[in-house]
Amino acid sequence: MTVARFWRKIPQRYNLIGTKCTTCGRHFFPPRTFCPDCRRNGKIIDHKFAGLGTVVTYTVIMTEPDQFASPGPYILAIIKLDEGPQMTSQVICDPKEAKIGMRVKSVFRRIATDGESGIIHYGTKFVPVE
């Protein structure tokens, strides 16, 4: 198995795939194998999130590790997906435009690189909804 194929086989990394309990309707990201509310009575299925959400809180990171793809200061936020779960992700916009309550949508972007000519890692980031 090649490294590229290995990363493609992690659906939540590229497609915002989580799970949903069909018994109570609760959504989970990252995926879970059982519902903490319904326990054994819950039936868990895969769920592809729509990728829309709201910024709950954020911070502006002023220093950047060399392997990250984002130049200059960048925004790291906790985003509440419309289906309920919260996740941490980068929001791509001018730090002056960021605000709590801002609507965002997921996009597929480069996340990091292992060295100058190493493996490039892709994944989900968010941008403001226009």
N, C-alpha and C. Protein backbone atom coordinates (compact mmCIF):
# COMPACT_ATOMS: atom_id res chain seq x y z
N MET A 1 0.85 -1.18 0.00
CA MET A 1 0.00 0.00 0.00
C MET A 1 0.90 1.24 0.00
N THR A 2 0.66 2.15 -0.89
CA THR A 2 1.46 3.37 -0.94
C THR A 2 0.96 4.36 0.11
N VAL A 3 1.80 5.33 0.43
CA VAL A 3 1.43 6.33 1.43
C VAL A 3 0.20 7.12 0.96
N ALA A 4 0.18 7.52 -0.32
CA ALA A 4 -0.96 8.29 -0.84
C ALA A 4 -2.26 7.52 -0.67
N ARG A 5 -2.25 6.24 -0.98
CA ARG A 5 -3.46 5.44 -0.84
C ARG A 5 -3.85 5.32 0.64
N PHE A 6 -2.87 5.20 1.52
CA PHE A 6 -3.14 5.14 2.95
C PHE A 6 -3.92 6.37 3.41
N TRP A 7 -3.49 7.56 3.02
CA TRP A 7 -4.17 8.78 3.45
C TRP A 7 -5.56 8.91 2.82
N ARG A 8 -5.73 8.44 1.58
CA ARG A 8 -7.05 8.50 0.94
C ARG A 8 -8.04 7.59 1.64
N LYS A 9 -7.56 6.57 2.33
CA LYS A 9 -8.46 5.63 3.00
C LYS A 9 -8.92 6.12 4.36
N ILE A 10 -8.61 7.34 4.72
CA ILE A 10 -9.10 7.94 5.97
C ILE A 10 -10.21 8.92 5.58
N PRO A 11 -11.46 8.45 5.49
CA PRO A 11 -12.53 9.29 4.93
C PRO A 11 -12.79 10.58 5.69
N GLN A 12 -12.66 10.57 7.00
CA GLN A 12 -12.95 11.79 7.75
C GLN A 12 -11.92 12.89 7.46
N ARG A 13 -10.73 12.51 7.03
CA ARG A 13 -9.69 13.50 6.73
C ARG A 13 -10.01 14.29 5.46
N TYR A 14 -10.60 13.65 4.47
CA TYR A 14 -10.83 14.29 3.19
C TYR A 14 -12.29 14.63 2.91
N ASN A 15 -13.21 13.94 3.52
CA ASN A 15 -14.61 14.11 3.14
C ASN A 15 -15.54 14.51 4.27
N LEU A 16 -15.02 14.83 5.43
CA LEU A 16 -15.84 15.12 6.61
C LEU A 16 -16.86 14.01 6.85
N ILE A 17 -16.36 12.79 6.89
CA ILE A 17 -17.22 11.64 7.16
C ILE A 17 -17.18 11.37 8.66
N GLY A 18 -18.34 11.36 9.27
CA GLY A 18 -18.47 11.03 10.68
C GLY A 18 -19.49 9.91 10.81
N THR A 19 -20.19 9.91 11.93
CA THR A 19 -21.23 8.91 12.13
C THR A 19 -22.48 9.57 12.70
N LYS A 20 -23.58 8.82 12.62
CA LYS A 20 -24.86 9.29 13.14
C LYS A 20 -25.55 8.13 13.83
N CYS A 21 -26.17 8.41 14.97
CA CYS A 21 -26.97 7.41 15.65
C CYS A 21 -28.39 7.55 15.10
N THR A 22 -28.88 6.51 14.45
CA THR A 22 -30.23 6.58 13.89
C THR A 22 -31.30 6.45 14.96
N THR A 23 -30.93 6.04 16.15
CA THR A 23 -31.89 5.91 17.24
C THR A 23 -32.25 7.28 17.81
N CYS A 24 -31.22 8.11 18.12
CA CYS A 24 -31.49 9.42 18.73
C CYS A 24 -31.23 10.59 17.79
N GLY A 25 -30.56 10.33 16.65
CA GLY A 25 -30.30 11.37 15.67
C GLY A 25 -29.04 12.18 15.91
N ARG A 26 -28.26 11.84 16.93
CA ARG A 26 -27.05 12.60 17.25
C ARG A 26 -25.93 12.28 16.25
N HIS A 27 -25.17 13.32 15.87
CA HIS A 27 -24.06 13.18 14.93
C HIS A 27 -22.73 13.24 15.68
N PHE A 28 -21.71 12.56 15.12
CA PHE A 28 -20.40 12.52 15.76
C PHE A 28 -19.29 12.79 14.75
N PHE A 29 -18.34 13.63 15.15
CA PHE A 29 -17.11 13.83 14.39
C PHE A 29 -16.02 14.13 15.39
N PRO A 30 -14.94 13.35 15.38
CA PRO A 30 -14.66 12.21 14.52
C PRO A 30 -15.64 11.07 14.77
N PRO A 31 -15.65 10.09 13.85
CA PRO A 31 -16.61 8.99 13.95
C PRO A 31 -16.51 8.22 15.27
N ARG A 32 -17.64 7.69 15.70
CA ARG A 32 -17.70 6.82 16.89
C ARG A 32 -18.29 5.49 16.48
N THR A 33 -18.00 4.49 17.30
CA THR A 33 -18.54 3.15 17.01
C THR A 33 -19.82 2.88 17.79
N PHE A 34 -20.10 3.71 18.82
CA PHE A 34 -21.36 3.55 19.54
C PHE A 34 -21.81 4.91 20.06
N CYS A 35 -23.10 5.05 20.33
CA CYS A 35 -23.67 6.30 20.83
C CYS A 35 -23.55 6.33 22.35
N PRO A 36 -22.97 7.40 22.92
CA PRO A 36 -22.83 7.46 24.37
C PRO A 36 -24.18 7.65 25.08
N ASP A 37 -25.19 8.09 24.36
CA ASP A 37 -26.52 8.27 24.95
C ASP A 37 -27.35 6.99 24.88
N CYS A 38 -27.39 6.37 23.72
CA CYS A 38 -28.24 5.19 23.50
C CYS A 38 -27.55 3.87 23.87
N ARG A 39 -26.24 3.91 23.97
CA ARG A 39 -25.44 2.72 24.27
C ARG A 39 -25.74 1.58 23.30
N ARG A 40 -26.12 0.41 23.81
CA ARG A 40 -26.35 -0.76 22.96
C ARG A 40 -27.58 -0.63 22.08
N ASN A 41 -28.52 0.23 22.46
CA ASN A 41 -29.74 0.38 21.66
C ASN A 41 -29.51 1.25 20.42
N GLY A 42 -28.42 1.98 20.39
CA GLY A 42 -28.15 2.87 19.27
C GLY A 42 -27.64 2.13 18.05
N LYS A 43 -28.03 2.62 16.88
CA LYS A 43 -27.53 2.07 15.62
C LYS A 43 -26.72 3.16 14.95
N ILE A 44 -25.41 2.91 14.78
CA ILE A 44 -24.49 3.90 14.22
C ILE A 44 -24.29 3.64 12.73
N ILE A 45 -24.41 4.71 11.94
CA ILE A 45 -24.17 4.64 10.50
C ILE A 45 -23.20 5.76 10.10
N ASP A 46 -22.55 5.60 8.97
CA ASP A 46 -21.68 6.66 8.45
C ASP A 46 -22.54 7.85 8.04
N HIS A 47 -21.96 9.04 8.18
CA HIS A 47 -22.67 10.26 7.79
C HIS A 47 -21.68 11.23 7.16
N LYS A 48 -21.99 11.72 5.96
CA LYS A 48 -21.17 12.74 5.31
C LYS A 48 -21.74 14.10 5.67
N PHE A 49 -20.95 14.90 6.37
CA PHE A 49 -21.39 16.22 6.79
C PHE A 49 -21.46 17.17 5.61
N ALA A 50 -22.38 18.11 5.67
CA ALA A 50 -22.56 19.08 4.59
C ALA A 50 -21.39 20.06 4.50
N GLY A 51 -20.65 20.22 5.60
CA GLY A 51 -19.49 21.09 5.57
C GLY A 51 -19.80 22.54 5.87
N LEU A 52 -20.98 22.82 6.40
CA LEU A 52 -21.36 24.18 6.79
C LEU A 52 -21.37 24.29 8.30
N GLY A 53 -20.96 25.45 8.81
CA GLY A 53 -20.93 25.61 10.25
C GLY A 53 -20.76 27.05 10.67
N THR A 54 -20.55 27.25 11.97
CA THR A 54 -20.43 28.57 12.57
C THR A 54 -19.20 28.59 13.47
N VAL A 55 -18.44 29.68 13.43
CA VAL A 55 -17.27 29.84 14.29
C VAL A 55 -17.76 30.08 15.72
N VAL A 56 -17.37 29.19 16.64
CA VAL A 56 -17.74 29.31 18.05
C VAL A 56 -16.73 30.22 18.76
N THR A 57 -15.46 30.01 18.48
CA THR A 57 -14.38 30.84 19.01
C THR A 57 -13.17 30.65 18.11
N TYR A 58 -12.22 31.56 18.21
CA TYR A 58 -11.03 31.45 17.36
C TYR A 58 -9.85 32.17 18.00
N THR A 59 -8.68 31.89 17.46
CA THR A 59 -7.48 32.61 17.86
C THR A 59 -6.66 32.86 16.60
N VAL A 60 -5.86 33.90 16.63
CA VAL A 60 -4.96 34.20 15.51
C VAL A 60 -3.58 33.73 15.92
N ILE A 61 -3.03 32.81 15.16
CA ILE A 61 -1.70 32.26 15.40
C ILE A 61 -0.69 33.15 14.65
N MET A 62 0.22 33.76 15.39
CA MET A 62 1.16 34.70 14.78
C MET A 62 2.45 34.03 14.29
N THR A 63 2.87 32.92 14.91
CA THR A 63 4.05 32.22 14.45
C THR A 63 3.61 30.95 13.76
N GLU A 64 4.42 30.49 12.85
CA GLU A 64 4.01 29.37 12.03
C GLU A 64 5.11 28.31 11.95
N PRO A 65 4.77 27.06 12.25
CA PRO A 65 5.76 26.00 12.03
C PRO A 65 6.07 25.90 10.54
N ASP A 66 7.29 25.55 10.20
CA ASP A 66 7.73 25.52 8.80
C ASP A 66 6.92 24.61 7.90
N GLN A 67 6.35 23.53 8.44
CA GLN A 67 5.69 22.57 7.57
C GLN A 67 4.28 22.99 7.16
N PHE A 68 3.68 23.99 7.80
CA PHE A 68 2.32 24.37 7.45
C PHE A 68 2.28 25.17 6.17
N ALA A 69 1.19 25.03 5.44
CA ALA A 69 1.07 25.63 4.12
C ALA A 69 0.59 27.08 4.16
N SER A 70 0.16 27.57 5.29
CA SER A 70 -0.41 28.91 5.36
C SER A 70 0.65 29.93 5.75
N PRO A 71 0.90 30.92 4.90
CA PRO A 71 1.89 31.94 5.23
C PRO A 71 1.32 32.97 6.21
N GLY A 72 2.23 33.55 7.01
CA GLY A 72 1.83 34.64 7.89
C GLY A 72 0.90 34.22 9.00
N PRO A 73 0.25 35.19 9.67
CA PRO A 73 -0.69 34.83 10.71
C PRO A 73 -1.89 34.08 10.13
N TYR A 74 -2.41 33.13 10.89
CA TYR A 74 -3.57 32.38 10.41
C TYR A 74 -4.54 32.15 11.56
N ILE A 75 -5.78 31.81 11.21
CA ILE A 75 -6.86 31.66 12.18
C ILE A 75 -7.08 30.19 12.47
N LEU A 76 -7.11 29.84 13.73
CA LEU A 76 -7.47 28.50 14.17
C LEU A 76 -8.76 28.64 14.96
N ALA A 77 -9.80 27.92 14.56
CA ALA A 77 -11.12 28.12 15.15
C ALA A 77 -11.76 26.81 15.59
N ILE A 78 -12.68 26.93 16.52
CA ILE A 78 -13.59 25.83 16.84
C ILE A 78 -14.86 26.13 16.06
N ILE A 79 -15.24 25.18 15.24
CA ILE A 79 -16.38 25.34 14.36
C ILE A 79 -17.45 24.35 14.75
N LYS A 80 -18.66 24.86 14.94
CA LYS A 80 -19.80 23.98 15.21
C LYS A 80 -20.47 23.69 13.88
N LEU A 81 -20.40 22.44 13.45
CA LEU A 81 -21.04 22.04 12.21
C LEU A 81 -22.56 22.13 12.37
N ASP A 82 -23.26 22.38 11.29
CA ASP A 82 -24.72 22.52 11.35
C ASP A 82 -25.39 21.28 11.94
N GLU A 83 -24.78 20.12 11.78
CA GLU A 83 -25.35 18.89 12.31
C GLU A 83 -25.08 18.71 13.81
N GLY A 84 -24.23 19.57 14.40
CA GLY A 84 -24.04 19.51 15.85
C GLY A 84 -22.63 19.38 16.37
N PRO A 85 -21.79 18.49 15.81
CA PRO A 85 -20.45 18.33 16.37
C PRO A 85 -19.59 19.58 16.20
N GLN A 86 -18.61 19.72 17.08
CA GLN A 86 -17.64 20.81 16.97
C GLN A 86 -16.29 20.24 16.60
N MET A 87 -15.54 21.00 15.82
CA MET A 87 -14.21 20.56 15.40
C MET A 87 -13.28 21.75 15.35
N THR A 88 -11.99 21.49 15.47
CA THR A 88 -10.98 22.53 15.35
C THR A 88 -10.44 22.50 13.93
N SER A 89 -10.36 23.68 13.32
CA SER A 89 -9.85 23.76 11.95
C SER A 89 -9.35 25.16 11.67
N GLN A 90 -8.58 25.28 10.63
CA GLN A 90 -8.12 26.59 10.19
C GLN A 90 -9.21 27.24 9.35
N VAL A 91 -9.38 28.55 9.53
CA VAL A 91 -10.29 29.34 8.70
C VAL A 91 -9.43 30.24 7.83
N ILE A 92 -9.64 30.16 6.52
CA ILE A 92 -8.84 30.92 5.58
C ILE A 92 -9.53 32.25 5.29
N CYS A 93 -9.05 33.30 5.92
CA CYS A 93 -9.51 34.66 5.66
C CYS A 93 -8.57 35.61 6.37
N ASP A 94 -8.71 36.88 6.08
CA ASP A 94 -7.91 37.90 6.77
C ASP A 94 -8.27 37.87 8.25
N PRO A 95 -7.28 37.81 9.15
CA PRO A 95 -7.59 37.77 10.58
C PRO A 95 -8.50 38.92 11.04
N LYS A 96 -8.45 40.05 10.36
CA LYS A 96 -9.31 41.19 10.72
C LYS A 96 -10.78 40.92 10.40
N GLU A 97 -11.04 39.99 9.49
CA GLU A 97 -12.41 39.66 9.10
C GLU A 97 -13.04 38.58 9.97
N ALA A 98 -12.23 37.89 10.74
CA ALA A 98 -12.73 36.78 11.56
C ALA A 98 -13.59 37.30 12.70
N LYS A 99 -14.67 36.56 12.98
CA LYS A 99 -15.51 36.93 14.12
C LYS A 99 -16.29 35.71 14.60
N ILE A 100 -16.62 35.74 15.88
CA ILE A 100 -17.45 34.68 16.45
C ILE A 100 -18.83 34.79 15.82
N GLY A 101 -19.41 33.65 15.46
CA GLY A 101 -20.71 33.63 14.80
C GLY A 101 -20.63 33.65 13.28
N MET A 102 -19.41 33.79 12.73
CA MET A 102 -19.23 33.84 11.28
C MET A 102 -19.59 32.48 10.68
N ARG A 103 -20.36 32.50 9.59
CA ARG A 103 -20.71 31.27 8.88
C ARG A 103 -19.55 30.87 7.98
N VAL A 104 -19.24 29.57 7.96
CA VAL A 104 -18.12 29.05 7.18
C VAL A 104 -18.55 27.78 6.44
N LYS A 105 -17.78 27.45 5.40
CA LYS A 105 -17.99 26.20 4.66
C LYS A 105 -16.65 25.51 4.47
N SER A 106 -16.69 24.21 4.38
CA SER A 106 -15.45 23.43 4.26
C SER A 106 -14.90 23.49 2.84
N VAL A 107 -13.57 23.45 2.76
CA VAL A 107 -12.85 23.39 1.48
C VAL A 107 -11.70 22.41 1.64
N PHE A 108 -11.24 21.87 0.54
CA PHE A 108 -10.15 20.91 0.51
C PHE A 108 -8.86 21.67 0.22
N ARG A 109 -7.90 21.65 1.14
CA ARG A 109 -6.68 22.43 0.98
C ARG A 109 -5.45 21.66 1.48
N ARG A 110 -4.28 22.15 1.09
CA ARG A 110 -3.03 21.60 1.60
C ARG A 110 -2.90 21.99 3.06
N ILE A 111 -2.53 21.02 3.89
CA ILE A 111 -2.41 21.27 5.33
C ILE A 111 -0.94 21.38 5.73
N ALA A 112 -0.12 20.47 5.26
CA ALA A 112 1.28 20.46 5.67
C ALA A 112 2.13 19.73 4.66
N THR A 113 3.45 19.94 4.76
CA THR A 113 4.42 19.26 3.91
C THR A 113 5.53 18.72 4.80
N ASP A 114 5.93 17.49 4.55
CA ASP A 114 7.05 16.90 5.29
C ASP A 114 8.35 17.29 4.59
N GLY A 115 8.92 18.42 4.98
CA GLY A 115 10.16 18.90 4.37
C GLY A 115 9.89 19.57 3.03
N GLU A 116 10.96 20.09 2.43
CA GLU A 116 10.80 20.83 1.17
C GLU A 116 10.33 19.97 0.02
N SER A 117 10.76 18.72 -0.04
CA SER A 117 10.34 17.86 -1.14
C SER A 117 9.65 16.59 -0.62
N GLY A 118 9.03 16.71 0.55
CA GLY A 118 8.40 15.56 1.17
C GLY A 118 6.93 15.40 0.78
N ILE A 119 6.26 14.55 1.51
CA ILE A 119 4.85 14.25 1.27
C ILE A 119 4.00 15.47 1.60
N ILE A 120 3.05 15.78 0.74
CA ILE A 120 2.12 16.88 0.99
C ILE A 120 0.85 16.28 1.58
N HIS A 121 0.39 16.83 2.70
CA HIS A 121 -0.82 16.36 3.37
C HIS A 121 -1.96 17.33 3.07
N TYR A 122 -3.08 16.79 2.63
CA TYR A 122 -4.26 17.59 2.33
C TYR A 122 -5.35 17.29 3.34
N GLY A 123 -6.31 18.19 3.47
CA GLY A 123 -7.41 17.95 4.37
C GLY A 123 -8.40 19.10 4.32
N THR A 124 -9.25 19.18 5.34
CA THR A 124 -10.33 20.15 5.38
C THR A 124 -9.92 21.40 6.13
N LYS A 125 -10.18 22.53 5.51
CA LYS A 125 -10.10 23.84 6.15
C LYS A 125 -11.45 24.50 5.89
N PHE A 126 -11.64 25.70 6.39
CA PHE A 126 -12.91 26.39 6.19
C PHE A 126 -12.67 27.80 5.65
N VAL A 127 -13.65 28.31 4.91
CA VAL A 127 -13.64 29.68 4.39
C VAL A 127 -14.97 30.32 4.75
N PRO A 128 -15.00 31.66 4.85
CA PRO A 128 -16.28 32.32 5.14
C PRO A 128 -17.29 32.07 4.03
N VAL A 129 -18.57 31.95 4.42
CA VAL A 129 -19.65 31.81 3.44
C VAL A 129 -19.96 33.21 2.93
N GLU A 130 -20.03 33.35 1.63
CA GLU A 130 -20.29 34.67 1.05
C GLU A 130 -21.75 34.96 0.93
